Amino acid sequence: MSAGQAGDRGGGVATRLFGVLLIGLMAIGSVVLWIGVPLFWLWLGSQLSDSSQPSLGLYVLVLVAIPVTMFVVGKGLGWLDAVYAQSTGTLPTKRLQTPWLTSLRGERSVERRSTVLAPVMVTSVTVALVLFAIWFLVFARGGGLPSGG
């Protein structure tokens, strides 16, 4: 890589700001993926119900719509990640071998490239789980844990 190419890779201020904007959109999208999508479909299902005992079709709608919508949002996050990689010139070059993809014989090497989306998703899942645990243990009606009586 020449000196000119190395300088171009870092980009200007506008490229860096665009990269930060894309990372922010990925963070918001991951929160929408884990929290917004299920809450939206549960809310919509409750609005569509006429009684306190909805029909089976409404349950099926919610159970099918949540994973389908999560898949669509996940594809959108992948697209944002690809736009980030191309716009900032940070195409993934580091190969990452995950333990569950390692051959037991060690002959084959299945490798995945690391991207900026992976740490964003891990962070969002961790925050969501911590917030859920806090809600469950502190704010849930009845304390969240069964009483020992």
C-alpha atoms as a PDB file:
ATOM      1  CA  MET A   1       0.000   0.000   0.000  1.00  0.00           C
ATOM      2  CA  SER A   2       1.422   3.364  -0.966  1.00  0.00           C
ATOM      3  CA  ALA A   3       1.544   6.419   1.292  1.00  0.00           C
ATOM      4  CA  GLY A   4      -1.289   8.024  -0.681  1.00  0.00           C
ATOM      5  CA  GLN A   5      -3.531   5.007  -0.181  1.00  0.00           C
ATOM      6  CA  ALA A   6      -2.734   4.872   3.525  1.00  0.00           C
ATOM      7  CA  GLY A   7      -3.707   8.537   3.860  1.00  0.00           C
ATOM      8  CA  ASP A   8      -6.932   7.987   1.908  1.00  0.00           C
ATOM      9  CA  ARG A   9      -7.949   5.116   4.146  1.00  0.00           C
ATOM     10  CA  GLY A  10      -8.279   7.333   7.232  1.00  0.00           C
ATOM     11  CA  GLY A  11     -10.553   9.701   5.327  1.00  0.00           C
ATOM     12  CA  GLY A  12     -11.412  13.243   6.166  1.00  0.00           C
ATOM     13  CA  VAL A  13     -13.547  14.667   8.921  1.00  0.00           C
ATOM     14  CA  ALA A  14     -16.724  14.175   6.869  1.00  0.00           C
ATOM     15  CA  THR A  15     -15.925  10.483   6.337  1.00  0.00           C
ATOM     16  CA  ARG A  16     -15.251   9.978  10.034  1.00  0.00           C
ATOM     17  CA  LEU A  17     -18.469  11.778  10.999  1.00  0.00           C
ATOM     18  CA  PHE A  18     -20.386   9.652   8.498  1.00  0.00           C
ATOM     19  CA  GLY A  19     -18.803   6.556  10.057  1.00  0.00           C
ATOM     20  CA  VAL A  20     -19.851   7.674  13.542  1.00  0.00           C
ATOM     21  CA  LEU A  21     -23.369   8.335  12.229  1.00  0.00           C
ATOM     22  CA  LEU A  22     -23.510   4.830  10.741  1.00  0.00           C
ATOM     23  CA  ILE A  23     -22.284   3.267  13.999  1.00  0.00           C
ATOM     24  CA  GLY A  24     -24.960   5.247  15.853  1.00  0.00           C
ATOM     25  CA  LEU A  25     -27.610   4.017  13.416  1.00  0.00           C
ATOM     26  CA  MET A  26     -26.386   0.434  13.916  1.00  0.00           C
ATOM     27  CA  ALA A  27     -26.603   0.881  17.698  1.00  0.00           C
ATOM     28  CA  ILE A  28     -30.145   2.264  17.442  1.00  0.00           C
ATOM     29  CA  GLY A  29     -31.064  -0.485  14.979  1.00  0.00           C
ATOM     30  CA  SER A  30     -29.776  -3.183  17.316  1.00  0.00           C
ATOM     31  CA  VAL A  31     -31.867  -1.790  20.180  1.00  0.00           C
ATOM     32  CA  VAL A  32     -34.866  -1.742  17.846  1.00  0.00           C
ATOM     33  CA  LEU A  33     -34.051  -5.331  16.871  1.00  0.00           C
ATOM     34  CA  TRP A  34     -33.989  -6.687  20.425  1.00  0.00           C
ATOM     35  CA  ILE A  35     -36.523  -4.422  22.152  1.00  0.00           C
ATOM     36  CA  GLY A  36     -38.516  -2.382  19.645  1.00  0.00           C
ATOM     37  CA  VAL A  37     -39.649  -5.162  17.318  1.00  0.00           C
ATOM     38  CA  PRO A  38     -41.068  -7.485  20.014  1.00  0.00           C
ATOM     39  CA  LEU A  39     -42.705  -4.587  21.887  1.00  0.00           C
ATOM     40  CA  PHE A  40     -44.237  -3.231  18.687  1.00  0.00           C
ATOM     41  CA  TRP A  41     -45.794  -6.564  17.708  1.00  0.00           C
ATOM     42  CA  LEU A  42     -47.040  -7.236  21.235  1.00  0.00           C
ATOM     43  CA  TRP A  43     -48.568  -3.758  21.342  1.00  0.00           C
ATOM     44  CA  LEU A  44     -50.144  -4.194  17.905  1.00  0.00           C
ATOM     45  CA  GLY A  45     -51.514  -7.596  18.908  1.00  0.00           C
ATOM     46  CA  SER A  46     -53.076  -6.083  21.999  1.00  0.00           C
ATOM     47  CA  GLN A  47     -54.652  -3.329  19.901  1.00  0.00           C
ATOM     48  CA  LEU A  48     -56.102  -5.834  17.429  1.00  0.00           C
ATOM     49  CA  SER A  49     -57.672  -7.949  20.161  1.00  0.00           C
ATOM     50  CA  ASP A  50     -61.363  -7.411  20.894  1.00  0.00           C
ATOM     51  CA  SER A  51     -61.332  -9.199  24.239  1.00  0.00           C
ATOM     52  CA  SER A  52     -59.035 -10.298  27.027  1.00  0.00           C
ATOM     53  CA  GLN A  53     -58.893 -13.745  25.385  1.00  0.00           C
ATOM     54  CA  PRO A  54     -57.654 -13.255  21.809  1.00  0.00           C
ATOM     55  CA  SER A  55     -57.981 -15.864  19.102  1.00  0.00           C
ATOM     56  CA  LEU A  56     -55.226 -18.253  18.118  1.00  0.00           C
ATOM     57  CA  GLY A  57     -54.712 -16.351  14.856  1.00  0.00           C
ATOM     58  CA  LEU A  58     -53.539 -13.289  16.746  1.00  0.00           C
ATOM     59  CA  TYR A  59     -50.969 -15.343  18.649  1.00  0.00           C
ATOM     60  CA  VAL A  60     -49.746 -16.884  15.402  1.00  0.00           C
ATOM     61  CA  LEU A  61     -49.493 -13.430  13.809  1.00  0.00           C
ATOM     62  CA  VAL A  62     -47.318 -12.139  16.638  1.00  0.00           C
ATOM     63  CA  LEU A  63     -45.185 -15.303  16.794  1.00  0.00           C
ATOM     64  CA  VAL A  64     -44.512 -15.222  13.045  1.00  0.00           C
ATOM     65  CA  ALA A  65     -44.212 -11.455  12.647  1.00  0.00           C
ATOM     66  CA  ILE A  66     -41.579 -10.955  15.349  1.00  0.00           C
ATOM     67  CA  PRO A  67     -38.884 -13.209  13.804  1.00  0.00           C
ATOM     68  CA  VAL A  68     -39.695 -12.057  10.256  1.00  0.00           C
ATOM     69  CA  THR A  69     -39.382  -8.405  11.269  1.00  0.00           C
ATOM     70  CA  MET A  70     -36.183  -9.173  13.203  1.00  0.00           C
ATOM     71  CA  PHE A  71     -34.762 -10.814  10.080  1.00  0.00           C
ATOM     72  CA  VAL A  72     -35.572  -7.712   8.004  1.00  0.00           C
ATOM     73  CA  VAL A  73     -34.046  -5.370  10.600  1.00  0.00           C
ATOM     74  CA  GLY A  74     -30.981  -7.653  10.783  1.00  0.00           C
ATOM     75  CA  LYS A  75     -30.558  -7.455   7.003  1.00  0.00           C
ATOM     76  CA  GLY A  76     -30.788  -3.674   7.291  1.00  0.00           C
ATOM     77  CA  LEU A  77     -28.068  -3.700   9.941  1.00  0.00           C
ATOM     78  CA  GLY A  78     -25.892  -5.822   7.659  1.00  0.00           C
ATOM     79  CA  TRP A  79     -26.430  -3.318   4.872  1.00  0.00           C
ATOM     80  CA  LEU A  80     -25.440  -0.435   7.203  1.00  0.00           C
ATOM     81  CA  ASP A  81     -22.319  -2.382   8.150  1.00  0.00           C
ATOM     82  CA  ALA A  82     -21.394  -2.831   4.477  1.00  0.00           C
ATOM     83  CA  VAL A  83     -21.976   0.885   3.821  1.00  0.00           C
ATOM     84  CA  TYR A  84     -19.750   1.691   6.818  1.00  0.00           C
ATOM     85  CA  ALA A  85     -16.979  -0.593   5.566  1.00  0.00           C
ATOM     86  CA  GLN A  86     -17.065   0.869   2.061  1.00  0.00           C
ATOM     87  CA  SER A  87     -17.419   4.524   3.041  1.00  0.00           C
ATOM     88  CA  THR A  88     -14.652   4.482   5.626  1.00  0.00           C
ATOM     89  CA  GLY A  89     -12.359   2.185   3.660  1.00  0.00           C
ATOM     90  CA  THR A  90     -12.229  -0.259   6.548  1.00  0.00           C
ATOM     91  CA  LEU A  91     -13.103  -3.401   4.694  1.00  0.00           C
ATOM     92  CA  PRO A  92     -12.599  -6.252   7.144  1.00  0.00           C
ATOM     93  CA  THR A  93      -9.138  -7.705   6.721  1.00  0.00           C
ATOM     94  CA  LYS A  94      -8.761  -9.489  10.049  1.00  0.00           C
ATOM     95  CA  ARG A  95      -9.867 -13.092   9.911  1.00  0.00           C
ATOM     96  CA  LEU A  96     -11.728 -14.333  12.952  1.00  0.00           C
ATOM     97  CA  GLN A  97     -12.011 -18.020  13.783  1.00  0.00           C
ATOM     98  CA  THR A  98     -14.895 -18.622  16.141  1.00  0.00           C
ATOM     99  CA  PRO A  99     -14.583 -21.668  18.414  1.00  0.00           C
ATOM    100  CA  TRP A 100     -17.892 -23.226  17.370  1.00  0.00           C
ATOM    101  CA  LEU A 101     -16.798 -23.187  13.727  1.00  0.00           C
ATOM    102  CA  THR A 102     -13.475 -24.897  14.410  1.00  0.00           C
ATOM    103  CA  SER A 103     -13.086 -28.379  12.975  1.00  0.00           C
ATOM    104  CA  LEU A 104     -12.576 -31.039  15.602  1.00  0.00           C
ATOM    105  CA  ARG A 105      -9.741 -32.468  13.515  1.00  0.00           C
ATOM    106  CA  GLY A 106      -8.258 -29.053  12.908  1.00  0.00           C
ATOM    107  CA  GLU A 107      -7.845 -29.754   9.190  1.00  0.00           C
ATOM    108  CA  ARG A 108     -10.284 -27.295   7.733  1.00  0.00           C
ATOM    109  CA  SER A 109     -10.220 -23.609   8.449  1.00  0.00           C
ATOM    110  CA  VAL A 110     -13.594 -21.908   8.329  1.00  0.00           C
ATOM    111  CA  GLU A 111     -13.009 -18.234   8.881  1.00  0.00           C
ATOM    112  CA  ARG A 112     -15.291 -15.250   9.255  1.00  0.00           C
ATOM    113  CA  ARG A 113     -14.281 -11.657   8.804  1.00  0.00           C
ATOM    114  CA  SER A 114     -14.809  -9.339  11.751  1.00  0.00           C
ATOM    115  CA  THR A 115     -16.793  -6.153  11.205  1.00  0.00           C
ATOM    116  CA  VAL A 116     -17.935  -3.189  13.270  1.00  0.00           C
ATOM    117  CA  LEU A 117     -21.428  -4.654  13.535  1.00  0.00           C
ATOM    118  CA  ALA A 118     -20.292  -7.548  15.744  1.00  0.00           C
ATOM    119  CA  PRO A 119     -19.171  -5.429  18.727  1.00  0.00           C
ATOM    120  CA  VAL A 120     -22.205  -3.166  18.312  1.00  0.00           C
ATOM    121  CA  MET A 121     -24.540  -6.170  18.504  1.00  0.00           C
ATOM    122  CA  VAL A 122     -22.685  -7.752  21.440  1.00  0.00           C
ATOM    123  CA  THR A 123     -22.829  -4.462  23.333  1.00  0.00           C
ATOM    124  CA  SER A 124     -26.540  -3.996  22.617  1.00  0.00           C
ATOM    125  CA  VAL A 125     -27.382  -7.556  23.711  1.00  0.00           C
ATOM    126  CA  THR A 126     -25.336  -7.121  26.889  1.00  0.00           C
ATOM    127  CA  VAL A 127     -27.043  -3.833  27.737  1.00  0.00           C
ATOM    128  CA  ALA A 128     -30.471  -5.338  26.999  1.00  0.00           C
ATOM    129  CA  LEU A 129     -29.777  -8.335  29.265  1.00  0.00           C
ATOM    130  CA  VAL A 130     -28.470  -6.145  32.096  1.00  0.00           C
ATOM    131  CA  LEU A 131     -31.488  -3.836  31.848  1.00  0.00           C
ATOM    132  CA  PHE A 132     -33.823  -6.840  31.781  1.00  0.00           C
ATOM    133  CA  ALA A 133     -32.130  -8.306  34.873  1.00  0.00           C
ATOM    134  CA  ILE A 134     -32.419  -4.976  36.710  1.00  0.00           C
ATOM    135  CA  TRP A 135     -36.081  -4.698  35.771  1.00  0.00           C
ATOM    136  CA  PHE A 136     -36.789  -8.317  36.698  1.00  0.00           C
ATOM    137  CA  LEU A 137     -35.007  -8.215  40.054  1.00  0.00           C
ATOM    138  CA  VAL A 138     -35.859  -4.669  41.155  1.00  0.00           C
ATOM    139  CA  PHE A 139     -38.937  -3.300  39.413  1.00  0.00           C
ATOM    140  CA  ALA A 140     -41.053  -6.333  38.515  1.00  0.00           C
ATOM    141  CA  ARG A 141     -44.220  -6.787  40.527  1.00  0.00           C
ATOM    142  CA  GLY A 142     -43.500  -9.275  43.296  1.00  0.00           C
ATOM    143  CA  GLY A 143     -39.746  -8.702  43.194  1.00  0.00           C
ATOM    144  CA  GLY A 144     -39.129 -10.945  40.210  1.00  0.00           C
ATOM    145  CA  LEU A 145     -37.939 -13.895  42.300  1.00  0.00           C
ATOM    146  CA  PRO A 146     -40.225 -16.462  43.943  1.00  0.00           C
ATOM    147  CA  SER A 147     -40.633 -16.076  47.659  1.00  0.00           C
ATOM    148  CA  GLY A 148     -39.229 -18.814  49.836  1.00  0.00           C
ATOM    149  CA  GLY A 149     -42.474 -19.409  51.716  1.00  0.00           C
END
